[in-house]
Amino acid sequence: MIMAEFSIFPVGTGESLSPYVARCTKIIEECGVKNQLHAMGTILEGSWDQVFGVIKRCFEELEKDCPRISLNIKVDFRKGESYRMDAKVKAVLSKI
């Protein structure tokens, strides 16, 4: 299983990016991959093919009408583990 944090947005389309983020968020929700949206991006959890398939679909969606796109991806892999996204947050909160 991998967790991938990514942000994708067009460059040069104005100040507000929420319409583009909403388009990608809809794709993510339709794919059924475990996810968590936050202020600076989205975290996905699943197999390599699932996660990168979603990121590819988001890219293809924005590519339709955005001549320039910024995409940042950070990946964490751990064999045999799943639902790490929730467990990592709970582990930190339990220590506060």
C-alpha atoms as a PDB file:
ATOM      1  CA  MET A   1       0.000   0.000   0.000  1.00  0.00           C
ATOM      2  CA  ILE A   2       1.099   3.515  -0.639  1.00  0.00           C
ATOM      3  CA  MET A   3       0.024   6.879   0.614  1.00  0.00           C
ATOM      4  CA  ALA A   4       0.524   9.708  -1.823  1.00  0.00           C
ATOM      5  CA  GLU A   5       0.046  13.352  -1.054  1.00  0.00           C
ATOM      6  CA  PHE A   6      -0.471  15.407  -4.169  1.00  0.00           C
ATOM      7  CA  SER A   7      -1.482  18.832  -5.293  1.00  0.00           C
ATOM      8  CA  ILE A   8      -2.410  19.722  -8.838  1.00  0.00           C
ATOM      9  CA  PHE A   9      -3.443  23.096 -10.127  1.00  0.00           C
ATOM     10  CA  PRO A  10      -3.286  25.219 -13.252  1.00  0.00           C
ATOM     11  CA  VAL A  11      -0.807  28.053 -13.540  1.00  0.00           C
ATOM     12  CA  GLY A  12      -1.903  31.380 -14.967  1.00  0.00           C
ATOM     13  CA  THR A  13      -5.666  30.928 -14.629  1.00  0.00           C
ATOM     14  CA  GLY A  14      -6.244  33.515 -11.926  1.00  0.00           C
ATOM     15  CA  GLU A  15      -6.169  33.670  -8.167  1.00  0.00           C
ATOM     16  CA  SER A  16      -8.936  31.214  -7.226  1.00  0.00           C
ATOM     17  CA  LEU A  17      -8.119  27.558  -7.832  1.00  0.00           C
ATOM     18  CA  SER A  18     -11.150  26.030  -6.096  1.00  0.00           C
ATOM     19  CA  PRO A  19     -13.072  25.301  -9.333  1.00  0.00           C
ATOM     20  CA  TYR A  20     -10.139  23.190 -10.565  1.00  0.00           C
ATOM     21  CA  VAL A  21      -9.689  21.487  -7.198  1.00  0.00           C
ATOM     22  CA  ALA A  22     -13.408  20.672  -7.178  1.00  0.00           C
ATOM     23  CA  ARG A  23     -13.136  18.997 -10.581  1.00  0.00           C
ATOM     24  CA  CYS A  24     -10.304  16.798  -9.326  1.00  0.00           C
ATOM     25  CA  THR A  25     -12.064  16.104  -6.025  1.00  0.00           C
ATOM     26  CA  LYS A  26     -15.074  14.803  -7.957  1.00  0.00           C
ATOM     27  CA  ILE A  27     -12.796  12.394  -9.848  1.00  0.00           C
ATOM     28  CA  ILE A  28     -11.213  11.227  -6.596  1.00  0.00           C
ATOM     29  CA  GLU A  29     -14.598  10.600  -4.986  1.00  0.00           C
ATOM     30  CA  GLU A  30     -15.831   8.655  -8.026  1.00  0.00           C
ATOM     31  CA  CYS A  31     -12.748   6.398  -7.973  1.00  0.00           C
ATOM     32  CA  GLY A  32     -13.441   5.206  -4.438  1.00  0.00           C
ATOM     33  CA  VAL A  33      -9.810   5.443  -3.296  1.00  0.00           C
ATOM     34  CA  LYS A  34      -9.402   6.302   0.385  1.00  0.00           C
ATOM     35  CA  ASN A  35      -8.627  10.015   0.467  1.00  0.00           C
ATOM     36  CA  GLN A  36      -8.352  13.080   2.623  1.00  0.00           C
ATOM     37  CA  LEU A  37      -8.600  16.590   1.233  1.00  0.00           C
ATOM     38  CA  HIS A  38      -6.730  19.292   3.118  1.00  0.00           C
ATOM     39  CA  ALA A  39      -5.914  22.955   2.520  1.00  0.00           C
ATOM     40  CA  MET A  40      -2.777  22.315   0.476  1.00  0.00           C
ATOM     41  CA  GLY A  41      -3.597  19.090  -1.372  1.00  0.00           C
ATOM     42  CA  THR A  42      -5.036  15.597  -1.082  1.00  0.00           C
ATOM     43  CA  ILE A  43      -3.771  12.348   0.426  1.00  0.00           C
ATOM     44  CA  LEU A  44      -4.655   9.094  -1.341  1.00  0.00           C
ATOM     45  CA  GLU A  45      -4.197   5.576   0.048  1.00  0.00           C
ATOM     46  CA  GLY A  46      -4.274   2.403  -2.039  1.00  0.00           C
ATOM     47  CA  SER A  47      -2.262   0.328  -4.454  1.00  0.00           C
ATOM     48  CA  TRP A  48       0.293   1.971  -6.734  1.00  0.00           C
ATOM     49  CA  ASP A  49      -1.975   1.530  -9.769  1.00  0.00           C
ATOM     50  CA  GLN A  50      -5.069   2.844  -7.990  1.00  0.00           C
ATOM     51  CA  VAL A  51      -3.370   5.945  -6.619  1.00  0.00           C
ATOM     52  CA  PHE A  52      -1.466   6.874  -9.750  1.00  0.00           C
ATOM     53  CA  GLY A  53      -4.512   6.095 -11.872  1.00  0.00           C
ATOM     54  CA  VAL A  54      -6.451   8.732  -9.929  1.00  0.00           C
ATOM     55  CA  ILE A  55      -3.636  11.271 -10.247  1.00  0.00           C
ATOM     56  CA  LYS A  56      -3.467  10.597 -13.988  1.00  0.00           C
ATOM     57  CA  ARG A  57      -7.215  11.138 -14.366  1.00  0.00           C
ATOM     58  CA  CYS A  58      -6.961  14.431 -12.477  1.00  0.00           C
ATOM     59  CA  PHE A  59      -4.144  15.542 -14.766  1.00  0.00           C
ATOM     60  CA  GLU A  60      -6.105  14.586 -17.867  1.00  0.00           C
ATOM     61  CA  GLU A  61      -9.135  16.516 -16.604  1.00  0.00           C
ATOM     62  CA  LEU A  62      -7.185  19.748 -16.130  1.00  0.00           C
ATOM     63  CA  GLU A  63      -5.221  19.263 -19.334  1.00  0.00           C
ATOM     64  CA  LYS A  64      -8.478  19.756 -21.279  1.00  0.00           C
ATOM     65  CA  ASP A  65      -8.484  23.509 -20.688  1.00  0.00           C
ATOM     66  CA  CYS A  66      -5.305  24.411 -18.792  1.00  0.00           C
ATOM     67  CA  PRO A  67      -2.209  25.141 -20.885  1.00  0.00           C
ATOM     68  CA  ARG A  68       0.096  24.898 -17.855  1.00  0.00           C
ATOM     69  CA  ILE A  69      -0.277  22.602 -14.819  1.00  0.00           C
ATOM     70  CA  SER A  70       1.737  22.245 -11.614  1.00  0.00           C
ATOM     71  CA  LEU A  71       1.731  18.758 -10.062  1.00  0.00           C
ATOM     72  CA  ASN A  72       3.533  17.812  -6.838  1.00  0.00           C
ATOM     73  CA  ILE A  73       3.550  14.243  -5.500  1.00  0.00           C
ATOM     74  CA  LYS A  74       5.016  12.794  -2.309  1.00  0.00           C
ATOM     75  CA  VAL A  75       4.803   8.995  -1.815  1.00  0.00           C
ATOM     76  CA  ASP A  76       5.186   6.797   1.272  1.00  0.00           C
ATOM     77  CA  PHE A  77       5.261   3.014   0.753  1.00  0.00           C
ATOM     78  CA  ARG A  78       4.986   0.387   3.470  1.00  0.00           C
ATOM     79  CA  LYS A  79       4.472  -3.326   2.780  1.00  0.00           C
ATOM     80  CA  GLY A  80       1.320  -4.938   4.054  1.00  0.00           C
ATOM     81  CA  GLU A  81      -0.046  -1.894   5.807  1.00  0.00           C
ATOM     82  CA  SER A  82      -3.414  -0.346   5.052  1.00  0.00           C
ATOM     83  CA  TYR A  83      -5.475   2.438   6.592  1.00  0.00           C
ATOM     84  CA  ARG A  84      -2.268   4.122   7.662  1.00  0.00           C
ATOM     85  CA  MET A  85      -3.695   7.544   7.025  1.00  0.00           C
ATOM     86  CA  ASP A  86      -6.049   7.256   9.991  1.00  0.00           C
ATOM     87  CA  ALA A  87      -3.581   5.387  12.189  1.00  0.00           C
ATOM     88  CA  LYS A  88      -0.847   8.001  11.740  1.00  0.00           C
ATOM     89  CA  VAL A  89      -3.129  10.839  12.806  1.00  0.00           C
ATOM     90  CA  LYS A  90      -4.493   8.883  15.783  1.00  0.00           C
ATOM     91  CA  ALA A  91      -0.969   8.021  16.943  1.00  0.00           C
ATOM     92  CA  VAL A  92       0.020  11.680  17.037  1.00  0.00           C
ATOM     93  CA  LEU A  93      -3.208  12.840  18.690  1.00  0.00           C
ATOM     94  CA  SER A  94      -2.889  10.190  21.394  1.00  0.00           C
ATOM     95  CA  LYS A  95       0.414  11.711  22.449  1.00  0.00           C
ATOM     96  CA  ILE A  96      -0.872  15.271  22.881  1.00  0.00           C
END
